[in-house]
């Protein structure tokens, strides 16, 4: 029995050594790393990683570690890494999309749909998007909640800037300079009605501000559009 057990151990050790020697063959050295198209700043960082991986044995690569490392990059929303064939890796990366800009003091940052600040404004192509003037990240969350209540339409598309005036008032500045006063308590249907009222008024008048916070709309007009 002892000899049989020793024989089994020796055979197992030989098989392990054969397998170990086999997977160390050059054919398993990484020759290709595929990466989805990315923004320029992230692409530069991924190019460094790609060069570092080339030539390494594919069995020495810890996929879980790489995935965790990339997931910790605030610019990345989702990442999947797959081994393809004997010597190729594939990186499928979903970046955060810019939905808003945030101004903190004198600097501008990128903000995604979830309110995550993930980069500086010069890291992406500039777009016509609302600018949040904020002092803390909670304000960003509040502003997004308000914009989500506005149906996709004319008024929402005109929002240029958003900031907190005081604890009871959040101000939205439209592209024509009109101020819209609101807060977190204003219901979704109030924005729809407010948009209809605004569109009717601006046909003939200059609207200075519209306050949605009360049961009745409070609107101040400056006069006819053709008045100077």
Protein backbone atom coordinates (compact mmCIF):
# COMPACT_ATOMS: atom_id res chain seq x y z
CA UNK A 1 0.00 0.00 0.00
CA UNK A 2 2.85 2.35 0.89
CA UNK A 3 4.59 1.71 -2.43
CA UNK A 4 1.32 2.30 -4.29
CA UNK A 5 0.79 5.60 -2.48
CA UNK A 6 4.35 6.71 -3.20
CA UNK A 7 3.86 5.81 -6.84
CA UNK A 8 0.70 7.92 -7.04
CA UNK A 9 2.49 10.90 -5.47
CA UNK A 10 5.40 10.61 -7.91
CA UNK A 11 3.06 10.44 -10.91
CA UNK A 12 1.15 13.49 -9.65
CA UNK A 13 4.38 15.44 -9.17
CA UNK A 14 5.53 14.54 -12.68
CA UNK A 15 2.20 15.66 -14.17
CA UNK A 16 2.37 18.96 -12.27
CA UNK A 17 5.92 19.57 -13.49
CA UNK A 18 4.95 18.73 -17.07
CA UNK A 19 1.96 21.09 -16.91
CA UNK A 20 4.09 23.82 -15.32
CA UNK A 21 6.71 23.53 -18.04
CA UNK A 22 4.03 23.43 -20.74
CA UNK A 23 2.27 26.69 -19.75
CA UNK A 24 5.62 28.47 -19.61
CA UNK A 25 6.14 27.96 -23.33
CA UNK A 26 6.56 31.16 -25.43
CA UNK A 27 3.31 30.42 -27.26
CA UNK A 28 1.46 31.62 -24.13
CA UNK A 29 3.26 34.98 -24.01
CA UNK A 30 0.78 37.79 -24.68
CA UNK A 31 1.04 39.07 -28.25
CA UNK A 32 -2.18 41.06 -28.53
CA UNK A 33 -4.17 43.31 -26.16
CA UNK A 34 -7.50 44.58 -27.49
CA UNK A 35 -8.97 47.69 -25.84
CA UNK A 36 -12.25 49.42 -26.68
CA UNK A 37 -12.05 52.97 -28.04
CA UNK A 38 -11.60 55.43 -25.18
CA UNK A 39 -11.24 59.13 -24.48
CA UNK A 40 -7.73 60.47 -25.02
CA UNK A 41 -6.76 60.76 -21.33
CA UNK A 42 -7.86 57.22 -20.45
CA UNK A 43 -6.47 55.85 -23.71
CA UNK A 44 -2.99 57.11 -22.76
CA UNK A 45 -3.15 55.31 -19.41
CA UNK A 46 -4.43 52.10 -20.98
CA UNK A 47 -1.67 52.21 -23.58
CA UNK A 48 0.88 52.09 -20.75
CA UNK A 49 -0.89 49.03 -19.32
CA UNK A 50 -1.04 47.40 -22.76
CA UNK A 51 2.71 47.78 -23.25
CA UNK A 52 3.35 46.39 -19.77
CA UNK A 53 1.24 43.27 -20.49
CA UNK A 54 2.75 42.44 -23.88
CA UNK A 55 5.25 39.60 -23.65
CA UNK A 56 4.07 38.38 -20.25
CA UNK A 57 2.78 34.84 -19.83
CA UNK A 58 -1.02 34.87 -20.00
CA UNK A 59 -1.22 32.40 -17.09
CA UNK A 60 0.70 34.83 -14.87
CA UNK A 61 -1.93 37.55 -15.33
CA UNK A 62 -4.35 38.00 -12.43
CA UNK A 63 -7.56 39.03 -14.20
CA UNK A 64 -9.43 39.75 -10.96
CA UNK A 65 -6.67 42.08 -9.79
CA UNK A 66 -6.64 43.96 -13.10
CA UNK A 67 -10.43 44.31 -13.04
CA UNK A 68 -10.41 45.64 -9.47
CA UNK A 69 -7.61 48.08 -10.28
CA UNK A 70 -9.45 49.50 -13.29
CA UNK A 71 -12.79 49.60 -11.45
CA UNK A 72 -11.17 51.90 -8.89
CA UNK A 73 -10.50 54.46 -11.65
CA UNK A 74 -13.32 57.00 -11.22
CA UNK A 75 -13.44 57.57 -15.00
CA UNK A 76 -14.50 53.96 -15.59
CA UNK A 77 -18.08 52.83 -15.01
CA UNK A 78 -17.78 49.16 -16.00
CA UNK A 79 -14.97 46.87 -17.13
CA UNK A 80 -14.78 43.31 -18.46
CA UNK A 81 -11.52 41.46 -19.20
CA UNK A 82 -11.36 38.21 -21.16
CA UNK A 83 -8.60 35.85 -22.23
CA UNK A 84 -8.89 35.13 -25.94
CA UNK A 85 -7.08 32.16 -27.40
CA UNK A 86 -3.58 31.27 -26.28
CA UNK A 87 -2.02 34.70 -26.03
CA UNK A 88 -4.55 37.55 -26.28
CA UNK A 89 -6.44 39.72 -23.81
CA UNK A 90 -9.56 41.78 -24.43
CA UNK A 91 -10.55 44.85 -22.36
CA UNK A 92 -14.14 46.04 -22.73
CA UNK A 93 -14.36 49.35 -20.86
CA UNK A 94 -17.42 51.57 -20.44
CA UNK A 95 -16.44 55.13 -19.52
CA UNK A 96 -18.60 57.55 -17.58
CA UNK A 97 -20.50 59.89 -19.90
CA UNK A 98 -20.49 63.64 -19.33
CA UNK A 99 -23.99 64.91 -18.53
CA UNK A 100 -23.17 68.07 -16.57
CA UNK A 101 -20.30 70.33 -15.57
CA UNK A 102 -19.57 71.32 -11.98
CA UNK A 103 -17.84 74.53 -10.98
CA UNK A 104 -16.08 74.35 -7.63
CA UNK A 105 -14.43 77.66 -6.81
CA UNK A 106 -12.78 78.62 -10.12
CA UNK A 107 -12.30 75.11 -11.53
CA UNK A 108 -14.64 73.09 -13.76
CA UNK A 109 -15.17 69.33 -13.58
CA UNK A 110 -17.02 66.56 -15.43
CA UNK A 111 -20.15 65.03 -13.88
CA UNK A 112 -22.02 61.91 -15.02
CA UNK A 113 -25.74 61.07 -14.79
CA UNK A 114 -25.26 59.65 -11.27
CA UNK A 115 -23.63 62.82 -9.99
CA UNK A 116 -20.12 61.35 -9.92
CA UNK A 117 -17.37 63.92 -10.49
CA UNK A 118 -14.81 62.07 -12.59
CA UNK A 119 -12.42 64.46 -14.27
CA UNK A 120 -11.46 67.97 -15.32
CA UNK A 121 -13.33 69.76 -18.08
CA UNK A 122 -10.34 69.74 -20.46
CA UNK A 123 -10.24 65.92 -20.45
CA UNK A 124 -13.26 65.67 -22.76
CA UNK A 125 -14.62 67.48 -25.79
CA UNK A 126 -16.64 70.49 -24.62
CA UNK A 127 -20.44 70.40 -25.03
CA UNK A 128 -23.40 72.67 -24.30
CA UNK A 129 -24.35 71.19 -20.92
CA UNK A 130 -25.74 72.66 -17.68
CA UNK A 131 -23.15 74.00 -15.24
CA UNK A 132 -23.65 73.25 -11.55
CA UNK A 133 -22.17 75.87 -9.22
CA UNK A 134 -21.56 73.82 -6.09
CA UNK A 135 -19.86 73.90 -2.72
CA UNK A 136 -20.38 70.19 -1.95
CA UNK A 137 -21.37 66.99 -3.76
CA UNK A 138 -24.79 66.88 -2.08
CA UNK A 139 -25.77 69.91 -4.15
CA UNK A 140 -24.96 67.99 -7.33
CA UNK A 141 -27.32 65.21 -6.27
CA UNK A 142 -30.08 67.74 -5.52
CA UNK A 143 -29.69 69.49 -8.87
CA UNK A 144 -29.91 66.19 -10.75
CA UNK A 145 -33.09 65.25 -8.86
CA UNK A 146 -34.67 68.51 -10.01
CA UNK A 147 -33.60 68.13 -13.64
CA UNK A 148 -34.90 64.55 -13.69
CA UNK A 149 -38.36 65.87 -12.77
CA UNK A 150 -38.37 68.00 -15.91
CA UNK A 151 -39.61 66.08 -18.93
CA UNK A 152 -37.23 66.10 -21.88
CA UNK A 153 -38.32 69.24 -23.63
CA UNK A 154 -37.70 72.88 -24.44
CA UNK A 155 -37.31 74.22 -20.90
CA UNK A 156 -34.90 71.50 -19.76
CA UNK A 157 -32.77 71.98 -22.86
CA UNK A 158 -32.52 75.70 -22.04
CA UNK A 159 -31.06 75.20 -18.55
CA UNK A 160 -27.61 76.77 -18.63
CA UNK A 161 -26.60 77.10 -14.97
CA UNK A 162 -27.87 75.87 -11.60
CA UNK A 163 -26.94 77.04 -8.12
CA UNK A 164 -28.29 77.17 -4.58
CA UNK A 165 -29.50 80.62 -3.54
CA UNK A 166 -30.51 79.60 -0.02
CA UNK A 167 -31.92 76.58 1.83
CA UNK A 168 -35.36 77.12 0.27
CA UNK A 169 -34.40 78.18 -3.24
CA UNK A 170 -32.47 76.62 -6.10
CA UNK A 171 -32.01 78.87 -9.13
CA UNK A 172 -31.85 77.69 -12.72
CA UNK A 173 -30.63 80.18 -15.31
CA UNK A 174 -31.94 79.63 -18.83
CA UNK A 175 -29.95 80.44 -21.95
CA UNK A 176 -32.04 83.59 -22.51
CA UNK A 177 -31.28 84.85 -18.98
CA UNK A 178 -34.63 83.89 -17.42
CA UNK A 179 -34.41 82.75 -13.79
CA UNK A 180 -36.44 79.74 -12.67
CA UNK A 181 -36.84 79.49 -8.90
CA UNK A 182 -37.48 76.02 -7.50
CA UNK A 183 -36.56 73.53 -4.76
CA UNK A 184 -36.72 69.80 -4.04
CA UNK A 185 -40.37 70.02 -2.97
CA UNK A 186 -41.68 71.13 -6.38
CA UNK A 187 -43.61 68.29 -8.05
CA UNK A 188 -42.92 66.91 -11.52
CA UNK A 189 -46.17 68.20 -13.08
CA UNK A 190 -45.35 71.76 -11.97
CA UNK A 191 -42.41 71.82 -14.39
CA UNK A 192 -44.59 70.74 -17.31
CA UNK A 193 -47.18 73.44 -16.56
CA UNK A 194 -44.40 75.97 -16.00
CA UNK A 195 -42.91 75.19 -19.39
CA UNK A 196 -46.26 75.74 -21.13
CA UNK A 197 -46.67 79.07 -19.30
CA UNK A 198 -43.13 80.16 -20.15
CA UNK A 199 -43.49 79.30 -23.84
CA UNK A 200 -46.71 81.30 -24.02
CA UNK A 201 -45.25 84.34 -22.26
CA UNK A 202 -42.00 84.57 -24.23
CA UNK A 203 -43.90 84.93 -27.50
CA UNK A 204 -44.48 88.59 -26.69
CA UNK A 205 -42.69 89.39 -23.42
CA UNK A 206 -39.30 89.27 -21.76
CA UNK A 207 -39.52 87.02 -18.72
CA UNK A 208 -37.24 88.01 -15.83
CA UNK A 209 -38.10 85.12 -13.53
CA UNK A 210 -40.63 82.39 -12.85
CA UNK A 211 -41.14 80.97 -9.35
CA UNK A 212 -42.46 77.39 -9.16
CA UNK A 213 -42.29 76.95 -5.38
CA UNK A 214 -45.81 78.04 -4.49
CA UNK A 215 -49.31 76.87 -5.35
CA UNK A 216 -49.71 79.68 -7.87
CA UNK A 217 -46.99 80.57 -10.35
CA UNK A 218 -45.19 83.84 -9.64
CA UNK A 219 -43.89 85.43 -12.84
CA UNK A 220 -42.20 88.76 -13.46
CA UNK A 221 -42.04 90.10 -17.00
CA UNK A 222 -39.98 93.08 -18.10
CA UNK A 223 -42.26 94.17 -20.93
CA UNK A 224 -42.76 93.52 -24.61
CA UNK A 225 -39.94 91.86 -26.54
CA UNK A 226 -39.53 94.81 -28.89
CA UNK A 227 -39.10 97.30 -26.02
CA UNK A 228 -35.57 98.58 -25.44
